[in-house]
Structures are given as structure tokens and as C-alpha cells.
Amino acid sequence: MVCGLSANCETLEDIYDYACDKGATLRQFLSLPVGIPSHHTQPGVRHLDLSQLEACLKRWERLLSPNWAGRQLIVDGKQLRGTTPTGRRQASVQLVSVWAVEQRLCLTQVPVAEKRSEAVAMPQVLELVDVVGNVVSLDALGTQPALAARLLEREANYVLVLKQNQRELFAQVQARFAPLLVQAPAQEHREKGHGRGEQRRLWLSRYFPLVDAAGAWPGLRTLVCVQTTRWQQGRATCASRYYLSSLGQASASELAGYVRGHWGIENHQHWQPDVTWYEDGCRRDHAPRNLSTLRKLALTLLQCDDTVTSLRRKRKKVARDDNFLR
């Protein structure tokens, strides 16, 4: 199934057809004493123990890169929209993942229990990963003092998105940066492409005695403000975002890298399975979570290859070229 998903297959039926065509090649890797499993047999993937399958994936990824110290790890959630019951807004399958930015690897994932939020699953998934020496970034749902304290206990640093769900702290941080925004930024970056231009300016503050609400946050050393201006089709839009960080010595460019890197999970893990594998269309009872794990494995294999081309073209090459598959 991993070979099929890597080789331009979308459905279980596609994987079966691919396996029949590539039977001689697949027999070089595994025993098929009774032939290729039919697409009626393959849904047995839904009965595989979810934690065991994901543990195998985690062990395999440790072999790829055993030393994770000093890396950025992102924790974020995703709903498989194809599993949303009729008349409901929330999908039945929601997964929270840990993503290693530099390696573009999904280290592990856990499901969000029914009628619970991602905020409950985030501490659970972090306990499955060795975070010592890493910088962990979380979206606003994970911006909680208890989670920040736990990361510090485990010798990790944090970069947390601050939004208005932390009302008092948000208002005080916003007021702290108001007089700083008229000054030159600590870091500035401009880029242009895909029909739009973007300017990102960053200010930081390591002295904030009037931000009283910050006292509840263990290890908080730096406040960050990023102001983004985008120009597209002759129109400009501006937005400001705020972050909390335990990094007291990191430079402005390093903090800008962590802020920018945090959104990598959206582009490289969430967006790619939707566009490349149509993941949001997966509706087969318990199979979506296991298929999501297998897609992430296929995505990792494709991204580990250093051929300079798109994932779409790599998948077609896997389907055509057995040497590239190996």
C-alpha cells in the first residue's frame, strides 16, 4: 500500500490494479504466496492496531535521523473532512501530529477523542516524542501555562502563538508593542512570487514589567510581534501576530525562522495529502486514520528524495521506474 500510495494511486482499487501490474517487482520485497490481495481484502487495514502501525512508523523515522536535538517541532491538528457526518460540523477523525520542520517528517500522531478538543490531545502527543533540546511551536489552542511548564520540565523551549483566547495577556502584549512599532524592526524580510509580494517585520521585547499577566507563564523570556503586509492584485493587507517564547538568547532572525517554520506543517503535511492524495475525500469507517499514517509515510519517502521536481511528478516516476521505487 505504501508503494501504491507513492506511485500515483488514490484509492484501494487503484492500489490493487497497481500491485497486479507490478507483481514481479513487489515479490522482490515481500512474499505473496496466494497472489495480490484484492481491494476487498485491503480494507483490513482498518483493523490494524493503530498505535502499533504508528509505532512502526516512528521507529523507522528514528533510523532516518536519530539525533533530533536543536530542531523545531510543530504540534498541530487536522480534520479529515470526508469523515464529517451529515448535519455536523466536526469530522469524526481528527488527528494531532508532531512535525519535524527540517526533516519534513511526521514523528507521531494521536486522534482527538470524540467531543474533545485538540488542546486535550496536544499534551498527549508530545509525551510520545523526545523533545529534549528542541524548540516546540504550537498554535493558540496549545498556548497554555501548564503545557509550557511541561516542555520546560522536559528540557525543551517553546514558541507559542498568542491570540485573543488569552484575553488579558493578549491585550497587555498588544499594548507593550504599540510604541515599539514606530521604531525600526529587529528583523525584516521581503519576498515576491506567485503574483504577490510580502513584507515581514519582526519586533521583540525581553523587558516587559507592565505585562502583569506574563507572570503566570513559566520560563517566558521573549515577546515577539510579527507584522505582515501582502500586496496582491493591487491591494494591500496587513496583519499583526504575537508570540510567547522561552528563548532568551535567540536572535531576531532565529525567532523569525521559528515563526515562519511553524506554518510549514500546513504546506508540507496538511496541504499535500489533500492536494496530492485527496485525503479529505477518504470516508471508509476506521481506515482514514491508518491511511493517513500510510500517506504520511509515502510523503516522507518522496520528500527524502533530493530530486528537484514536484511531488506529482515524483509519484508518476515511482509508478513508471522500478529503480526509482527501490
C-alpha atoms as a PDB file:
ATOM      1  CA  MET A   1       0.000   0.000   0.000  1.00  0.00           C
ATOM      2  CA  VAL A   2       2.905   2.368   0.704  1.00  0.00           C
ATOM      3  CA  CYS A   3       4.331   1.605  -2.750  1.00  0.00           C
ATOM      4  CA  GLY A   4       0.925   2.227  -4.326  1.00  0.00           C
ATOM      5  CA  LEU A   5       0.353   5.489  -2.473  1.00  0.00           C
ATOM      6  CA  SER A   6       3.833   6.613  -3.515  1.00  0.00           C
ATOM      7  CA  ALA A   7       3.077   5.649  -7.110  1.00  0.00           C
ATOM      8  CA  ASN A   8       0.121   7.856  -8.020  1.00  0.00           C
ATOM      9  CA  CYS A   9      -2.639   5.675  -6.540  1.00  0.00           C
ATOM     10  CA  GLU A  10      -5.542   7.350  -4.742  1.00  0.00           C
ATOM     11  CA  THR A  11      -7.939   4.528  -3.785  1.00  0.00           C
ATOM     12  CA  LEU A  12      -7.739   0.917  -2.630  1.00  0.00           C
ATOM     13  CA  GLU A  13      -8.883  -0.138  -6.104  1.00  0.00           C
ATOM     14  CA  ASP A  14      -6.019   1.863  -7.652  1.00  0.00           C
ATOM     15  CA  ILE A  15      -3.545   0.154  -5.304  1.00  0.00           C
ATOM     16  CA  TYR A  16      -4.868  -3.282  -6.299  1.00  0.00           C
ATOM     17  CA  ASP A  17      -4.507  -2.516 -10.026  1.00  0.00           C
ATOM     18  CA  TYR A  18      -1.002  -1.155  -9.452  1.00  0.00           C
ATOM     19  CA  ALA A  19       0.017  -4.244  -7.451  1.00  0.00           C
ATOM     20  CA  CYS A  20      -1.263  -6.573 -10.165  1.00  0.00           C
ATOM     21  CA  ASP A  21       0.776  -4.715 -12.785  1.00  0.00           C
ATOM     22  CA  LYS A  22       3.868  -4.611 -10.561  1.00  0.00           C
ATOM     23  CA  GLY A  23       3.607  -8.100  -9.044  1.00  0.00           C
ATOM     24  CA  ALA A  24       7.085  -9.145 -10.211  1.00  0.00           C
ATOM     25  CA  THR A  25       8.654  -6.057  -8.662  1.00  0.00           C
ATOM     26  CA  LEU A  26       6.762  -6.368  -5.375  1.00  0.00           C
ATOM     27  CA  ARG A  27       7.850 -10.002  -4.991  1.00  0.00           C
ATOM     28  CA  GLN A  28      11.410  -8.730  -4.657  1.00  0.00           C
ATOM     29  CA  PHE A  29      10.350  -7.107  -1.365  1.00  0.00           C
ATOM     30  CA  LEU A  30       7.734  -9.429   0.111  1.00  0.00           C
ATOM     31  CA  SER A  31       6.220 -12.878  -0.144  1.00  0.00           C
ATOM     32  CA  LEU A  32       2.907 -13.189  -1.996  1.00  0.00           C
ATOM     33  CA  PRO A  33       2.141 -16.929  -1.761  1.00  0.00           C
ATOM     34  CA  VAL A  34      -1.516 -16.514  -2.776  1.00  0.00           C
ATOM     35  CA  GLY A  35      -1.106 -13.535  -5.100  1.00  0.00           C
ATOM     36  CA  ILE A  36      -2.092  -9.894  -4.753  1.00  0.00           C
ATOM     37  CA  PRO A  37      -4.682  -9.090  -2.039  1.00  0.00           C
ATOM     38  CA  SER A  38      -7.843  -7.823  -3.688  1.00  0.00           C
ATOM     39  CA  HIS A  39      -9.261  -4.388  -2.947  1.00  0.00           C
ATOM     40  CA  HIS A  40     -11.885  -6.205  -0.842  1.00  0.00           C
ATOM     41  CA  THR A  41      -9.100  -7.629   1.338  1.00  0.00           C
ATOM     42  CA  GLN A  42      -7.101  -4.419   1.622  1.00  0.00           C
ATOM     43  CA  PRO A  43      -9.713  -2.656   3.795  1.00  0.00           C
ATOM     44  CA  GLY A  44      -8.388  -4.965   6.508  1.00  0.00           C
ATOM     45  CA  VAL A  45      -6.030  -2.030   7.087  1.00  0.00           C
ATOM     46  CA  ARG A  46      -8.858  -0.564   9.138  1.00  0.00           C
ATOM     47  CA  HIS A  47      -8.497  -3.435  11.628  1.00  0.00           C
ATOM     48  CA  LEU A  48      -4.758  -2.940  12.185  1.00  0.00           C
ATOM     49  CA  ASP A  49      -3.854  -1.754  15.665  1.00  0.00           C
ATOM     50  CA  LEU A  50      -3.485   1.989  15.155  1.00  0.00           C
ATOM     51  CA  SER A  51      -0.842   2.512  17.838  1.00  0.00           C
ATOM     52  CA  GLN A  52       1.256  -0.403  16.542  1.00  0.00           C
ATOM     53  CA  LEU A  53       1.225   0.895  12.978  1.00  0.00           C
ATOM     54  CA  GLU A  54       2.247   4.362  14.136  1.00  0.00           C
ATOM     55  CA  ALA A  55       4.940   2.908  16.428  1.00  0.00           C
ATOM     56  CA  CYS A  56       6.469   1.151  13.397  1.00  0.00           C
ATOM     57  CA  LEU A  57       6.478   4.465  11.533  1.00  0.00           C
ATOM     58  CA  LYS A  58       8.121   6.190  14.491  1.00  0.00           C
ATOM     59  CA  ARG A  59      10.891   3.560  14.741  1.00  0.00           C
ATOM     60  CA  TRP A  60      11.566   3.825  11.015  1.00  0.00           C
ATOM     61  CA  GLU A  61      11.886   7.614  11.235  1.00  0.00           C
ATOM     62  CA  ARG A  62      14.379   7.311  14.104  1.00  0.00           C
ATOM     63  CA  LEU A  63      16.606   5.327  11.744  1.00  0.00           C
ATOM     64  CA  LEU A  64      16.413   8.174   9.218  1.00  0.00           C
ATOM     65  CA  SER A  65      17.561  10.822  11.702  1.00  0.00           C
ATOM     66  CA  PRO A  66      18.493   9.578  15.179  1.00  0.00           C
ATOM     67  CA  ASN A  67      19.626  12.978  16.500  1.00  0.00           C
ATOM     68  CA  TRP A  68      16.753  15.406  16.946  1.00  0.00           C
ATOM     69  CA  ALA A  69      18.415  17.901  19.315  1.00  0.00           C
ATOM     70  CA  GLY A  70      18.215  21.549  18.252  1.00  0.00           C
ATOM     71  CA  ARG A  71      15.348  21.024  15.808  1.00  0.00           C
ATOM     72  CA  GLN A  72      11.970  22.726  15.552  1.00  0.00           C
ATOM     73  CA  LEU A  73       8.964  20.508  16.227  1.00  0.00           C
ATOM     74  CA  ILE A  74       5.454  21.701  15.360  1.00  0.00           C
ATOM     75  CA  VAL A  75       2.298  20.400  17.017  1.00  0.00           C
ATOM     76  CA  ASP A  76      -0.919  20.957  15.100  1.00  0.00           C
ATOM     77  CA  GLY A  77      -4.237  19.279  14.351  1.00  0.00           C
ATOM     78  CA  LYS A  78      -6.121  18.365  11.184  1.00  0.00           C
ATOM     79  CA  GLN A  79      -9.652  17.170  10.497  1.00  0.00           C
ATOM     80  CA  LEU A  80     -10.314  14.620   7.741  1.00  0.00           C
ATOM     81  CA  ARG A  81     -13.314  16.413   6.277  1.00  0.00           C
ATOM     82  CA  GLY A  82     -14.533  13.360   4.390  1.00  0.00           C
ATOM     83  CA  THR A  83     -15.435  11.742   7.737  1.00  0.00           C
ATOM     84  CA  THR A  84     -17.798  14.557   8.778  1.00  0.00           C
ATOM     85  CA  PRO A  85     -21.265  13.063   9.491  1.00  0.00           C
ATOM     86  CA  THR A  86     -24.213  14.636   7.730  1.00  0.00           C
ATOM     87  CA  GLY A  87     -25.515  17.635   9.627  1.00  0.00           C
ATOM     88  CA  ARG A  88     -22.412  18.024  11.813  1.00  0.00           C
ATOM     89  CA  ARG A  89     -19.538  20.486  11.634  1.00  0.00           C
ATOM     90  CA  GLN A  90     -16.818  18.374  13.263  1.00  0.00           C
ATOM     91  CA  ALA A  91     -15.189  15.464  11.430  1.00  0.00           C
ATOM     92  CA  SER A  92     -15.232  12.044  13.089  1.00  0.00           C
ATOM     93  CA  VAL A  93     -11.483  11.675  12.514  1.00  0.00           C
ATOM     94  CA  GLN A  94      -9.313  14.472  13.896  1.00  0.00           C
ATOM     95  CA  LEU A  95      -5.588  13.935  14.294  1.00  0.00           C
ATOM     96  CA  VAL A  96      -2.929  15.906  16.160  1.00  0.00           C
ATOM     97  CA  SER A  97       0.585  15.449  14.758  1.00  0.00           C
ATOM     98  CA  VAL A  98       4.163  16.324  15.659  1.00  0.00           C
ATOM     99  CA  TRP A  99       6.083  17.557  12.624  1.00  0.00           C
ATOM    100  CA  ALA A 100       9.872  17.949  12.369  1.00  0.00           C
ATOM    101  CA  VAL A 101      10.388  21.041  10.234  1.00  0.00           C
ATOM    102  CA  GLU A 102      13.881  20.484   8.851  1.00  0.00           C
ATOM    103  CA  GLN A 103      13.345  16.797   8.008  1.00  0.00           C
ATOM    104  CA  ARG A 104       9.701  17.259   6.923  1.00  0.00           C
ATOM    105  CA  LEU A 105       8.812  14.190   8.959  1.00  0.00           C
ATOM    106  CA  CYS A 106       5.646  13.393  10.871  1.00  0.00           C
ATOM    107  CA  LEU A 107       7.047  11.877  14.067  1.00  0.00           C
ATOM    108  CA  THR A 108       3.777  10.693  15.565  1.00  0.00           C
ATOM    109  CA  GLN A 109       0.067  11.446  15.719  1.00  0.00           C
ATOM    110  CA  VAL A 110      -2.848  10.790  18.054  1.00  0.00           C
ATOM    111  CA  PRO A 111      -6.602  11.015  17.478  1.00  0.00           C
ATOM    112  CA  VAL A 112      -8.759  13.612  19.168  1.00  0.00           C
ATOM    113  CA  ALA A 113     -11.312  11.833  21.346  1.00  0.00           C
ATOM    114  CA  GLU A 114     -14.955  12.395  20.456  1.00  0.00           C
ATOM    115  CA  LYS A 115     -16.393  15.596  21.926  1.00  0.00           C
ATOM    116  CA  ARG A 116     -12.911  16.729  22.995  1.00  0.00           C
ATOM    117  CA  SER A 117     -10.731  19.473  21.531  1.00  0.00           C
ATOM    118  CA  GLU A 118      -7.237  19.422  20.043  1.00  0.00           C
ATOM    119  CA  ALA A 119      -5.999  21.152  23.197  1.00  0.00           C
ATOM    120  CA  VAL A 120      -6.536  17.897  25.123  1.00  0.00           C
ATOM    121  CA  ALA A 121      -4.635  15.796  22.553  1.00  0.00           C
ATOM    122  CA  MET A 122      -1.626  18.139  22.266  1.00  0.00           C
ATOM    123  CA  PRO A 123      -0.052  17.218  25.649  1.00  0.00           C
ATOM    124  CA  GLN A 124      -0.713  13.536  24.883  1.00  0.00           C
ATOM    125  CA  VAL A 125       1.085  13.571  21.532  1.00  0.00           C
ATOM    126  CA  LEU A 126       4.055  15.491  22.956  1.00  0.00           C
ATOM    127  CA  GLU A 127       4.579  12.786  25.583  1.00  0.00           C
ATOM    128  CA  LEU A 128       5.265  10.339  22.733  1.00  0.00           C
ATOM    129  CA  VAL A 129       8.221  12.354  21.403  1.00  0.00           C
ATOM    130  CA  ASP A 130      11.664  13.046  22.838  1.00  0.00           C
ATOM    131  CA  VAL A 131      11.695  16.858  22.910  1.00  0.00           C
ATOM    132  CA  VAL A 132      14.951  17.387  24.835  1.00  0.00           C
ATOM    133  CA  GLY A 133      16.931  20.212  23.272  1.00  0.00           C
ATOM    134  CA  ASN A 134      14.223  21.063  20.744  1.00  0.00           C
ATOM    135  CA  VAL A 135      12.096  24.138  20.124  1.00  0.00           C
ATOM    136  CA  VAL A 136       8.382  23.244  20.133  1.00  0.00           C
ATOM    137  CA  SER A 137       5.916  25.586  18.450  1.00  0.00           C
ATOM    138  CA  LEU A 138       2.164  25.382  18.997  1.00  0.00           C
ATOM    139  CA  ASP A 139      -0.882  27.236  17.741  1.00  0.00           C
ATOM    140  CA  ALA A 140      -3.202  29.169  20.042  1.00  0.00           C
ATOM    141  CA  LEU A 141      -5.017  26.035  21.295  1.00  0.00           C
ATOM    142  CA  GLY A 142      -1.725  24.819  22.758  1.00  0.00           C
ATOM    143  CA  THR A 143      -0.865  28.156  24.351  1.00  0.00           C
ATOM    144  CA  GLN A 144      -1.448  27.058  27.937  1.00  0.00           C
ATOM    145  CA  PRO A 145       0.779  27.665  31.004  1.00  0.00           C
ATOM    146  CA  ALA A 146       0.642  24.001  32.044  1.00  0.00           C
ATOM    147  CA  LEU A 147       1.885  22.827  28.655  1.00  0.00           C
ATOM    148  CA  ALA A 148       4.656  25.440  28.657  1.00  0.00           C
ATOM    149  CA  ALA A 149       5.734  24.244  32.115  1.00  0.00           C
ATOM    150  CA  ARG A 150       5.786  20.616  30.959  1.00  0.00           C
ATOM    151  CA  LEU A 151       8.018  21.470  27.991  1.00  0.00           C
ATOM    152  CA  LEU A 152      10.486  23.216  30.286  1.00  0.00           C
ATOM    153  CA  GLU A 153      10.482  20.189  32.614  1.00  0.00           C
ATOM    154  CA  ARG A 154      11.469  18.065  29.632  1.00  0.00           C
ATOM    155  CA  GLU A 155      14.318  20.455  28.722  1.00  0.00           C
ATOM    156  CA  ALA A 156      12.640  21.915  25.640  1.00  0.00           C
ATOM    157  CA  ASN A 157      11.940  25.515  24.649  1.00  0.00           C
ATOM    158  CA  TYR A 158       8.695  26.855  23.254  1.00  0.00           C
ATOM    159  CA  VAL A 159       7.332  29.360  20.728  1.00  0.00           C
ATOM    160  CA  LEU A 160       3.582  29.788  21.268  1.00  0.00           C
ATOM    161  CA  VAL A 161       1.070  31.680  19.159  1.00  0.00           C
ATOM    162  CA  LEU A 162      -0.788  34.256  21.256  1.00  0.00           C
ATOM    163  CA  LYS A 163      -4.371  35.059  20.274  1.00  0.00           C
ATOM    164  CA  GLN A 164      -7.400  36.591  21.932  1.00  0.00           C
ATOM    165  CA  ASN A 165      -8.377  33.367  23.713  1.00  0.00           C
ATOM    166  CA  GLN A 166      -5.780  34.611  26.256  1.00  0.00           C
ATOM    167  CA  ARG A 167      -7.622  37.915  26.585  1.00  0.00           C
ATOM    168  CA  GLU A 168      -5.749  39.732  29.338  1.00  0.00           C
ATOM    169  CA  LEU A 169      -2.305  38.657  28.194  1.00  0.00           C
ATOM    170  CA  PHE A 170      -3.117  39.418  24.555  1.00  0.00           C
ATOM    171  CA  ALA A 171      -4.282  42.947  25.401  1.00  0.00           C
ATOM    172  CA  GLN A 172      -1.204  43.655  27.523  1.00  0.00           C
ATOM    173  CA  VAL A 173       1.227  42.310  24.907  1.00  0.00           C
ATOM    174  CA  GLN A 174      -0.518  44.335  22.211  1.00  0.00           C
ATOM    175  CA  ALA A 175      -0.165  47.472  24.372  1.00  0.00           C
ATOM    176  CA  ARG A 176       3.507  46.650  25.042  1.00  0.00           C
ATOM    177  CA  PHE A 177       4.322  46.592  21.320  1.00  0.00           C
ATOM    178  CA  ALA A 178       2.247  49.666  20.341  1.00  0.00           C
ATOM    179  CA  PRO A 179       5.090  52.173  20.999  1.00  0.00           C
ATOM    180  CA  LEU A 180       7.720  49.806  19.549  1.00  0.00           C
ATOM    181  CA  LEU A 181       6.056  49.518  16.137  1.00  0.00           C
ATOM    182  CA  VAL A 182       7.067  53.084  15.224  1.00  0.00           C
ATOM    183  CA  GLN A 183      10.715  52.068  15.661  1.00  0.00           C
ATOM    184  CA  ALA A 184      12.846  50.144  13.198  1.00  0.00           C
ATOM    185  CA  PRO A 185      12.135  46.387  13.329  1.00  0.00           C
ATOM    186  CA  ALA A 186      14.711  43.963  14.680  1.00  0.00           C
ATOM    187  CA  GLN A 187      14.374  41.871  11.528  1.00  0.00           C
ATOM    188  CA  GLU A 188      12.800  42.458   8.112  1.00  0.00           C
ATOM    189  CA  HIS A 189      12.255  40.189   5.130  1.00  0.00           C
ATOM    190  CA  ARG A 190      10.731  40.798   1.701  1.00  0.00           C
ATOM    191  CA  GLU A 191       9.842  38.297  -0.983  1.00  0.00           C
ATOM    192  CA  LYS A 192       7.934  38.255  -4.237  1.00  0.00           C
ATOM    193  CA  GLY A 193       6.431  35.397  -6.190  1.00  0.00           C
ATOM    194  CA  HIS A 194       3.236  33.699  -7.380  1.00  0.00           C
ATOM    195  CA  GLY A 195       1.719  37.053  -8.257  1.00  0.00           C
ATOM    196  CA  ARG A 196       2.104  38.600  -4.816  1.00  0.00           C
ATOM    197  CA  GLY A 197       4.623  40.435  -2.689  1.00  0.00           C
ATOM    198  CA  GLU A 198       5.123  40.095   1.046  1.00  0.00           C
ATOM    199  CA  GLN A 199       6.963  42.041   3.706  1.00  0.00           C
ATOM    200  CA  ARG A 200       7.502  40.576   7.189  1.00  0.00           C
ATOM    201  CA  ARG A 201       8.819  42.759  10.014  1.00  0.00           C
ATOM    202  CA  LEU A 202       9.622  41.462  13.475  1.00  0.00           C
ATOM    203  CA  TRP A 203       9.967  43.232  16.807  1.00  0.00           C
ATOM    204  CA  LEU A 204      10.877  41.562  20.071  1.00  0.00           C
ATOM    205  CA  SER A 205      10.809  42.572  23.713  1.00  0.00           C
ATOM    206  CA  ARG A 206      12.750  40.978  26.548  1.00  0.00           C
ATOM    207  CA  TYR A 207      11.752  43.641  29.076  1.00  0.00           C
ATOM    208  CA  PHE A 208       8.038  43.771  29.871  1.00  0.00           C
ATOM    209  CA  PRO A 209       7.428  44.763  33.527  1.00  0.00           C
ATOM    210  CA  LEU A 210       3.948  46.146  32.757  1.00  0.00           C
ATOM    211  CA  VAL A 211       2.743  42.868  31.222  1.00  0.00           C
ATOM    212  CA  ASP A 212       1.377  41.583  34.531  1.00  0.00           C
ATOM    213  CA  ALA A 213      -0.323  38.527  33.016  1.00  0.00           C
ATOM    214  CA  ALA A 214       3.088  37.247  31.863  1.00  0.00           C
ATOM    215  CA  GLY A 215       3.857  36.271  35.454  1.00  0.00           C
ATOM    216  CA  ALA A 216       1.669  33.171  35.062  1.00  0.00           C
ATOM    217  CA  TRP A 217       3.837  31.846  32.233  1.00  0.00           C
ATOM    218  CA  PRO A 218       6.794  29.690  33.320  1.00  0.00           C
ATOM    219  CA  GLY A 219      10.051  30.399  31.543  1.00  0.00           C
ATOM    220  CA  LEU A 220       8.707  33.276  29.443  1.00  0.00           C
ATOM    221  CA  ARG A 221      11.712  35.292  28.250  1.00  0.00           C
ATOM    222  CA  THR A 222      10.724  36.946  24.976  1.00  0.00           C
ATOM    223  CA  LEU A 223       7.648  38.547  23.435  1.00  0.00           C
ATOM    224  CA  VAL A 224       7.527  38.652  19.643  1.00  0.00           C
ATOM    225  CA  CYS A 225       5.416  40.685  17.231  1.00  0.00           C
ATOM    226  CA  VAL A 226       5.381  39.917  13.509  1.00  0.00           C
ATOM    227  CA  GLN A 227       3.693  42.365  11.171  1.00  0.00           C
ATOM    228  CA  THR A 228       2.950  41.025   7.690  1.00  0.00           C
ATOM    229  CA  THR A 229       1.971  43.157   4.690  1.00  0.00           C
ATOM    230  CA  ARG A 230       0.896  41.466   1.467  1.00  0.00           C
ATOM    231  CA  TRP A 231       0.313  43.026  -1.934  1.00  0.00           C
ATOM    232  CA  GLN A 232      -1.780  41.128  -4.446  1.00  0.00           C
ATOM    233  CA  GLN A 233      -3.729  42.417  -7.455  1.00  0.00           C
ATOM    234  CA  GLY A 234      -3.031  45.989  -6.441  1.00  0.00           C
ATOM    235  CA  ARG A 235      -4.424  45.593  -2.933  1.00  0.00           C
ATOM    236  CA  ALA A 236      -2.525  45.551   0.354  1.00  0.00           C
ATOM    237  CA  THR A 237      -3.492  43.672   3.519  1.00  0.00           C
ATOM    238  CA  CYS A 238      -1.762  43.985   6.864  1.00  0.00           C
ATOM    239  CA  ALA A 239      -1.860  41.682   9.904  1.00  0.00           C
ATOM    240  CA  SER A 240      -0.033  41.524  13.226  1.00  0.00           C
ATOM    241  CA  ARG A 241       0.637  38.301  15.134  1.00  0.00           C
ATOM    242  CA  TYR A 242       2.085  37.830  18.604  1.00  0.00           C
ATOM    243  CA  TYR A 243       4.158  35.032  20.128  1.00  0.00           C
ATOM    244  CA  LEU A 244       5.461  33.939  23.526  1.00  0.00           C
ATOM    245  CA  SER A 245       8.872  32.273  23.755  1.00  0.00           C
ATOM    246  CA  SER A 246      11.131  30.783  26.397  1.00  0.00           C
ATOM    247  CA  LEU A 247      14.148  31.559  24.185  1.00  0.00           C
ATOM    248  CA  GLY A 248      16.021  34.335  25.944  1.00  0.00           C
ATOM    249  CA  GLN A 249      19.182  34.417  23.815  1.00  0.00           C
ATOM    250  CA  ALA A 250      17.863  33.663  20.323  1.00  0.00           C
ATOM    251  CA  SER A 251      18.465  36.352  17.704  1.00  0.00           C
ATOM    252  CA  ALA A 252      15.675  38.121  15.832  1.00  0.00           C
ATOM    253  CA  SER A 253      16.452  36.130  12.663  1.00  0.00           C
ATOM    254  CA  GLU A 254      16.306  32.835  14.587  1.00  0.00           C
ATOM    255  CA  LEU A 255      12.938  33.743  16.084  1.00  0.00           C
ATOM    256  CA  ALA A 256      11.705  34.807  12.631  1.00  0.00           C
ATOM    257  CA  GLY A 257      12.749  31.375  11.368  1.00  0.00           C
ATOM    258  CA  TYR A 258      10.749  29.594  14.074  1.00  0.00           C
ATOM    259  CA  VAL A 259       7.702  31.755  13.387  1.00  0.00           C
ATOM    260  CA  ARG A 260       7.951  31.149   9.650  1.00  0.00           C
ATOM    261  CA  GLY A 261       8.714  27.462  10.139  1.00  0.00           C
ATOM    262  CA  HIS A 262       5.591  26.968  12.248  1.00  0.00           C
ATOM    263  CA  TRP A 263       3.395  27.253   9.162  1.00  0.00           C
ATOM    264  CA  GLY A 264       5.401  24.571   7.349  1.00  0.00           C
ATOM    265  CA  ILE A 265       3.077  21.887   8.711  1.00  0.00           C
ATOM    266  CA  GLU A 266       0.183  23.461   6.814  1.00  0.00           C
ATOM    267  CA  ASN A 267       2.025  23.441   3.489  1.00  0.00           C
ATOM    268  CA  HIS A 268       4.008  20.217   3.752  1.00  0.00           C
ATOM    269  CA  GLN A 269       1.825  17.898   5.829  1.00  0.00           C
ATOM    270  CA  HIS A 270      -1.783  19.150   5.764  1.00  0.00           C
ATOM    271  CA  TRP A 271      -1.987  20.648   2.291  1.00  0.00           C
ATOM    272  CA  GLN A 272      -0.005  17.989   0.415  1.00  0.00           C
ATOM    273  CA  PRO A 273      -2.160  14.959   1.404  1.00  0.00           C
ATOM    274  CA  ASP A 274      -5.292  16.939   0.497  1.00  0.00           C
ATOM    275  CA  VAL A 275      -3.999  18.020  -2.903  1.00  0.00           C
ATOM    276  CA  THR A 276      -1.843  15.007  -3.785  1.00  0.00           C
ATOM    277  CA  TRP A 277      -3.935  12.178  -2.291  1.00  0.00           C
ATOM    278  CA  TYR A 278      -7.367  13.848  -1.866  1.00  0.00           C
ATOM    279  CA  GLU A 279      -7.226  12.847   1.795  1.00  0.00           C
ATOM    280  CA  ASP A 280     -10.317  14.837   2.715  1.00  0.00           C
ATOM    281  CA  GLY A 281     -12.348  12.552   0.456  1.00  0.00           C
ATOM    282  CA  CYS A 282     -11.472   9.420   2.466  1.00  0.00           C
ATOM    283  CA  ARG A 283     -14.666   8.088   4.104  1.00  0.00           C
ATOM    284  CA  ARG A 284     -14.082   4.379   4.846  1.00  0.00           C
ATOM    285  CA  ASP A 285     -15.030   3.847   8.517  1.00  0.00           C
ATOM    286  CA  HIS A 286     -11.823   3.251  10.560  1.00  0.00           C
ATOM    287  CA  ALA A 287      -9.500   3.233   7.543  1.00  0.00           C
ATOM    288  CA  PRO A 288      -8.967   7.029   7.310  1.00  0.00           C
ATOM    289  CA  ARG A 289      -6.589   7.223  10.279  1.00  0.00           C
ATOM    290  CA  ASN A 290      -4.478   4.276   9.123  1.00  0.00           C
ATOM    291  CA  LEU A 291      -4.474   5.514   5.535  1.00  0.00           C
ATOM    292  CA  SER A 292      -3.447   8.937   6.830  1.00  0.00           C
ATOM    293  CA  THR A 293      -0.458   7.306   8.549  1.00  0.00           C
ATOM    294  CA  LEU A 294       0.494   5.462   5.354  1.00  0.00           C
ATOM    295  CA  ARG A 295       0.147   8.641   3.290  1.00  0.00           C
ATOM    296  CA  LYS A 296       2.490  10.440   5.697  1.00  0.00           C
ATOM    297  CA  LEU A 297       4.994   7.602   5.272  1.00  0.00           C
ATOM    298  CA  ALA A 298       4.737   7.863   1.478  1.00  0.00           C
ATOM    299  CA  LEU A 299       5.057  11.653   1.700  1.00  0.00           C
ATOM    300  CA  THR A 300       8.197  11.308   3.834  1.00  0.00           C
ATOM    301  CA  LEU A 301       9.765   8.877   1.361  1.00  0.00           C
ATOM    302  CA  LEU A 302       9.072  11.213  -1.550  1.00  0.00           C
ATOM    303  CA  GLN A 303      10.372  14.277   0.281  1.00  0.00           C
ATOM    304  CA  CYS A 304      13.543  12.496   1.428  1.00  0.00           C
ATOM    305  CA  ASP A 305      14.465  12.027  -2.238  1.00  0.00           C
ATOM    306  CA  ASP A 306      16.527  15.032  -3.356  1.00  0.00           C
ATOM    307  CA  THR A 307      15.354  15.032  -6.978  1.00  0.00           C
ATOM    308  CA  VAL A 308      14.377  18.607  -7.838  1.00  0.00           C
ATOM    309  CA  THR A 309      10.832  18.165  -9.087  1.00  0.00           C
ATOM    310  CA  SER A 310       7.269  18.228  -7.816  1.00  0.00           C
ATOM    311  CA  LEU A 311       5.670  15.508  -5.696  1.00  0.00           C
ATOM    312  CA  ARG A 312       3.183  14.872  -8.502  1.00  0.00           C
ATOM    313  CA  ARG A 313       5.987  14.106 -10.960  1.00  0.00           C
ATOM    314  CA  LYS A 314       7.865  12.004  -8.396  1.00  0.00           C
ATOM    315  CA  ARG A 315       4.784   9.847  -7.884  1.00  0.00           C
ATOM    316  CA  LYS A 316       4.436   9.286 -11.610  1.00  0.00           C
ATOM    317  CA  LYS A 317       8.121   8.354 -11.818  1.00  0.00           C
ATOM    318  CA  VAL A 318       7.688   5.847  -8.957  1.00  0.00           C
ATOM    319  CA  ALA A 319       4.859   4.251 -10.959  1.00  0.00           C
ATOM    320  CA  ARG A 320       6.996   4.006 -14.113  1.00  0.00           C
ATOM    321  CA  ASP A 321      10.551   3.407 -12.887  1.00  0.00           C
ATOM    322  CA  ASP A 322      11.240   0.404 -10.615  1.00  0.00           C
ATOM    323  CA  ASN A 323      14.785   1.638  -9.878  1.00  0.00           C
ATOM    324  CA  PHE A 324      13.373   4.922  -8.610  1.00  0.00           C
ATOM    325  CA  LEU A 325      10.884   2.949  -6.488  1.00  0.00           C
ATOM    326  CA  ARG A 326      13.740   0.986  -4.870  1.00  0.00           C
END
